[in-house]
C-alpha atoms as a PDB file:
ATOM      1  CA  MET A   1      50.872  30.196 -49.954  1.00  0.00           C
ATOM      2  CA  SER A   2      52.167  28.193 -47.063  1.00  0.00           C
ATOM      3  CA  ILE A   3      51.461  24.512 -46.674  1.00  0.00           C
ATOM      4  CA  SER A   4      51.362  22.704 -43.378  1.00  0.00           C
ATOM      5  CA  SER A   5      51.139  18.995 -42.727  1.00  0.00           C
ATOM      6  CA  LYS A   6      50.197  19.610 -39.100  1.00  0.00           C
ATOM      7  CA  THR A   7      46.824  18.274 -38.000  1.00  0.00           C
ATOM      8  CA  HIS A   8      44.380  20.940 -36.858  1.00  0.00           C
ATOM      9  CA  THR A   9      41.202  21.079 -34.867  1.00  0.00           C
ATOM     10  CA  LEU A  10      38.294  22.680 -36.664  1.00  0.00           C
ATOM     11  CA  SER A  11      38.043  25.546 -34.181  1.00  0.00           C
ATOM     12  CA  ALA A  12      41.760  26.308 -34.610  1.00  0.00           C
ATOM     13  CA  PHE A  13      41.399  26.114 -38.378  1.00  0.00           C
ATOM     14  CA  VAL A  14      38.606  28.657 -38.649  1.00  0.00           C
ATOM     15  CA  ASP A  15      39.530  32.326 -38.412  1.00  0.00           C
ATOM     16  CA  SER A  16      37.703  35.314 -39.904  1.00  0.00           C
ATOM     17  CA  LYS A  17      34.743  34.524 -42.127  1.00  0.00           C
ATOM     18  CA  ALA A  18      34.969  36.132 -45.553  1.00  0.00           C
ATOM     19  CA  ALA A  19      31.989  35.578 -47.816  1.00  0.00           C
ATOM     20  CA  SER A  20      32.415  34.415 -51.378  1.00  0.00           C
ATOM     21  CA  ASN A  21      29.935  34.158 -54.213  1.00  0.00           C
ATOM     22  CA  THR A  22      31.975  31.515 -56.015  1.00  0.00           C
ATOM     23  CA  SER A  23      30.119  28.407 -57.090  1.00  0.00           C
ATOM     24  CA  TYR A  24      30.696  25.256 -59.114  1.00  0.00           C
ATOM     25  CA  GLN A  25      29.019  26.998 -62.054  1.00  0.00           C
ATOM     26  CA  THR A  26      31.623  29.788 -61.989  1.00  0.00           C
ATOM     27  CA  PHE A  27      34.349  27.323 -63.008  1.00  0.00           C
ATOM     28  CA  SER A  28      32.232  25.136 -65.294  1.00  0.00           C
ATOM     29  CA  LEU A  29      31.936  24.567 -68.986  1.00  0.00           C
ATOM     30  CA  ILE A  30      28.218  24.613 -69.665  1.00  0.00           C
ATOM     31  CA  GLU A  31      26.412  22.357 -72.133  1.00  0.00           C
ATOM     32  CA  LEU A  32      22.879  22.698 -73.413  1.00  0.00           C
ATOM     33  CA  LEU A  33      20.584  19.732 -73.677  1.00  0.00           C
ATOM     34  CA  SER A  34      17.501  20.197 -75.799  1.00  0.00           C
ATOM     35  CA  ALA A  35      14.439  18.593 -74.302  1.00  0.00           C
ATOM     36  CA  ASP A  36      11.631  17.071 -76.364  1.00  0.00           C
ATOM     37  CA  ASN A  37       9.390  20.019 -75.521  1.00  0.00           C
ATOM     38  CA  GLY A  38      11.791  22.467 -77.191  1.00  0.00           C
ATOM     39  CA  THR A  39      13.322  23.913 -74.034  1.00  0.00           C
ATOM     40  CA  ASP A  40      17.043  23.888 -73.351  1.00  0.00           C
ATOM     41  CA  ILE A  41      18.480  22.617 -70.101  1.00  0.00           C
ATOM     42  CA  GLU A  42      21.853  24.001 -69.027  1.00  0.00           C
ATOM     43  CA  PHE A  43      24.180  21.763 -67.066  1.00  0.00           C
ATOM     44  CA  PRO A  44      27.805  22.014 -66.025  1.00  0.00           C
ATOM     45  CA  ALA A  45      29.646  19.426 -68.129  1.00  0.00           C
ATOM     46  CA  TYR A  46      33.148  19.975 -66.759  1.00  0.00           C
ATOM     47  CA  SER A  47      34.822  22.081 -64.103  1.00  0.00           C
ATOM     48  CA  VAL A  48      38.217  23.577 -64.918  1.00  0.00           C
ATOM     49  CA  LEU A  49      39.040  23.087 -61.224  1.00  0.00           C
ATOM     50  CA  ASN A  50      39.639  19.439 -62.129  1.00  0.00           C
ATOM     51  CA  ASP A  51      42.706  20.655 -64.028  1.00  0.00           C
ATOM     52  CA  TYR A  52      44.031  22.130 -60.776  1.00  0.00           C
ATOM     53  CA  TYR A  53      43.247  19.157 -58.548  1.00  0.00           C
ATOM     54  CA  ASN A  54      46.888  18.391 -57.677  1.00  0.00           C
ATOM     55  CA  ASP A  55      47.650  22.053 -56.962  1.00  0.00           C
ATOM     56  CA  LEU A  56      44.621  22.372 -54.689  1.00  0.00           C
ATOM     57  CA  LYS A  57      45.474  19.135 -52.849  1.00  0.00           C
ATOM     58  CA  LYS A  58      48.929  20.542 -52.059  1.00  0.00           C
ATOM     59  CA  LEU A  59      47.261  23.418 -50.207  1.00  0.00           C
ATOM     60  CA  CYS A  60      45.294  21.096 -47.930  1.00  0.00           C
ATOM     61  CA  VAL A  61      45.829  20.582 -44.244  1.00  0.00           C
ATOM     62  CA  THR A  62      44.394  17.761 -42.193  1.00  0.00           C
ATOM     63  CA  VAL A  63      41.595  18.795 -39.865  1.00  0.00           C
ATOM     64  CA  THR A  64      40.198  16.505 -37.186  1.00  0.00           C
ATOM     65  CA  PHE A  65      36.621  16.953 -35.997  1.00  0.00           C
ATOM     66  CA  ASN A  66      35.760  16.523 -32.359  1.00  0.00           C
ATOM     67  CA  GLU A  67      32.656  14.413 -31.695  1.00  0.00           C
ATOM     68  CA  LYS A  68      30.248  17.359 -31.758  1.00  0.00           C
ATOM     69  CA  GLU A  69      31.705  18.675 -35.046  1.00  0.00           C
ATOM     70  CA  TYR A  70      31.628  15.214 -36.582  1.00  0.00           C
ATOM     71  CA  PHE A  71      27.890  14.865 -35.971  1.00  0.00           C
ATOM     72  CA  ARG A  72      27.229  18.469 -36.985  1.00  0.00           C
ATOM     73  CA  PHE A  73      28.929  18.122 -40.390  1.00  0.00           C
ATOM     74  CA  ARG A  74      28.419  14.418 -41.129  1.00  0.00           C
ATOM     75  CA  PHE A  75      26.796  14.155 -44.579  1.00  0.00           C
ATOM     76  CA  LYS A  76      26.629  17.987 -44.664  1.00  0.00           C
ATOM     77  CA  PRO A  77      29.611  19.431 -46.532  1.00  0.00           C
ATOM     78  CA  LYS A  78      27.433  22.370 -47.557  1.00  0.00           C
ATOM     79  CA  ILE A  79      27.012  23.419 -43.928  1.00  0.00           C
ATOM     80  CA  LEU A  80      30.759  22.964 -43.357  1.00  0.00           C
ATOM     81  CA  ALA A  81      31.552  25.111 -46.419  1.00  0.00           C
ATOM     82  CA  ASP A  82      29.233  27.829 -45.141  1.00  0.00           C
ATOM     83  CA  TYR A  83      30.858  27.648 -41.703  1.00  0.00           C
ATOM     84  CA  LEU A  84      34.421  27.743 -43.050  1.00  0.00           C
ATOM     85  CA  TYR A  85      34.149  29.936 -46.122  1.00  0.00           C
ATOM     86  CA  GLY A  86      30.876  31.816 -45.715  1.00  0.00           C
ATOM     87  CA  ASN A  87      29.514  30.075 -48.812  1.00  0.00           C
ATOM     88  CA  GLY A  88      27.780  26.706 -48.858  1.00  0.00           C
ATOM     89  CA  GLU A  89      28.222  26.572 -52.640  1.00  0.00           C
ATOM     90  CA  LEU A  90      31.884  25.735 -52.053  1.00  0.00           C
ATOM     91  CA  SER A  91      30.896  22.314 -50.682  1.00  0.00           C
ATOM     92  CA  PHE A  92      31.864  20.792 -54.031  1.00  0.00           C
ATOM     93  CA  LEU A  93      35.485  21.718 -53.235  1.00  0.00           C
ATOM     94  CA  ILE A  94      35.375  19.996 -49.865  1.00  0.00           C
ATOM     95  CA  LEU A  95      34.084  16.874 -51.599  1.00  0.00           C
ATOM     96  CA  ILE A  96      36.717  17.056 -54.356  1.00  0.00           C
ATOM     97  CA  LEU A  97      39.551  17.567 -51.866  1.00  0.00           C
ATOM     98  CA  ASN A  98      38.422  14.489 -49.965  1.00  0.00           C
ATOM     99  CA  ASP A  99      38.023  12.392 -53.139  1.00  0.00           C
ATOM    100  CA  MET A 100      34.251  12.273 -52.933  1.00  0.00           C
ATOM    101  CA  VAL A 101      31.411  13.122 -55.289  1.00  0.00           C
ATOM    102  CA  SER A 102      28.365  12.942 -53.033  1.00  0.00           C
ATOM    103  CA  PRO A 103      27.428  14.382 -49.640  1.00  0.00           C
ATOM    104  CA  LYS A 104      26.280  10.841 -48.784  1.00  0.00           C
ATOM    105  CA  ASP A 105      29.971   9.890 -48.720  1.00  0.00           C
ATOM    106  CA  PHE A 106      30.928  12.705 -46.346  1.00  0.00           C
ATOM    107  CA  ASP A 107      31.225  10.634 -43.183  1.00  0.00           C
ATOM    108  CA  LEU A 108      34.716  11.539 -41.978  1.00  0.00           C
ATOM    109  CA  LYS A 109      36.317  12.413 -38.669  1.00  0.00           C
ATOM    110  CA  THR A 110      39.466  13.675 -40.403  1.00  0.00           C
ATOM    111  CA  VAL A 111      39.164  15.825 -43.521  1.00  0.00           C
ATOM    112  CA  LYS A 112      41.429  17.651 -45.936  1.00  0.00           C
ATOM    113  CA  LEU A 113      40.646  21.357 -46.163  1.00  0.00           C
ATOM    114  CA  ILE A 114      42.231  24.508 -47.540  1.00  0.00           C
ATOM    115  CA  SER A 115      42.471  27.538 -45.289  1.00  0.00           C
ATOM    116  CA  ARG A 116      40.180  30.394 -46.220  1.00  0.00           C
ATOM    117  CA  GLN A 117      42.958  32.709 -47.368  1.00  0.00           C
ATOM    118  CA  ASN A 118      44.760  30.042 -49.387  1.00  0.00           C
ATOM    119  CA  LEU A 119      41.463  29.084 -51.024  1.00  0.00           C
ATOM    120  CA  ILE A 120      40.644  32.682 -51.901  1.00  0.00           C
ATOM    121  CA  ASP A 121      44.130  33.167 -53.346  1.00  0.00           C
ATOM    122  CA  ALA A 122      43.992  29.919 -55.351  1.00  0.00           C
ATOM    123  CA  LEU A 123      40.486  30.494 -56.721  1.00  0.00           C
ATOM    124  CA  THR A 124      41.388  34.062 -57.656  1.00  0.00           C
ATOM    125  CA  LEU A 125      44.423  32.870 -59.622  1.00  0.00           C
ATOM    126  CA  ILE A 126      42.470  30.070 -61.300  1.00  0.00           C
ATOM    127  CA  ARG A 127      39.583  32.354 -62.123  1.00  0.00           C
ATOM    128  CA  SER A 128      41.833  34.986 -63.691  1.00  0.00           C
ATOM    129  CA  ALA A 129      43.652  32.317 -65.717  1.00  0.00           C
ATOM    130  CA  GLU A 130      40.500  30.526 -66.907  1.00  0.00           C
ATOM    131  CA  THR A 131      37.750  33.170 -67.177  1.00  0.00           C
ATOM    132  CA  SER A 132      38.415  33.925 -70.832  1.00  0.00           C
ATOM    133  CA  PHE A 133      38.427  30.239 -71.762  1.00  0.00           C
ATOM    134  CA  ILE A 134      35.247  29.478 -69.781  1.00  0.00           C
ATOM    135  CA  THR A 135      33.436  32.506 -71.196  1.00  0.00           C
ATOM    136  CA  ASP A 136      34.437  31.711 -74.780  1.00  0.00           C
ATOM    137  CA  TYR A 137      33.540  28.039 -74.413  1.00  0.00           C
ATOM    138  CA  ASN A 138      30.160  28.770 -72.870  1.00  0.00           C
ATOM    139  CA  LYS A 139      29.406  31.434 -75.460  1.00  0.00           C
ATOM    140  CA  PHE A 140      30.466  29.615 -78.621  1.00  0.00           C
ATOM    141  CA  ALA A 141      30.027  25.929 -77.813  1.00  0.00           C
ATOM    142  CA  ASN A 142      26.333  26.414 -77.267  1.00  0.00           C
ATOM    143  CA  ALA A 143      25.661  28.988 -80.001  1.00  0.00           C
END
């Protein structure tokens, strides 16, 4: 995976659009919370992607929005993720890479992003390394 410190425009950064069905849930350890009415509520308690934060940051390039792009994606990382990666569910990664937790914070003219191919490669490696752990945790921790 190549890393570039060069600043890019968004249009130069985007190439072919490959869809992905990856979501935050895919990489999450799930906890169950029992409600008073006897139903269980599932929620992601921790994402193993946090363990790879430094590795993912190293894959980032700086992308500068023009004025039209800035207003199009301001407070809308989900729309940006759909535009870049073909999957709005990857917006959590855009927030993480830019040290944010809420779309309300996403008010940037310059952002850190991972190219589509580097992201696919990284998530594939992480998923293959962590799937067994995530599956076992989610199966046994909530049994």
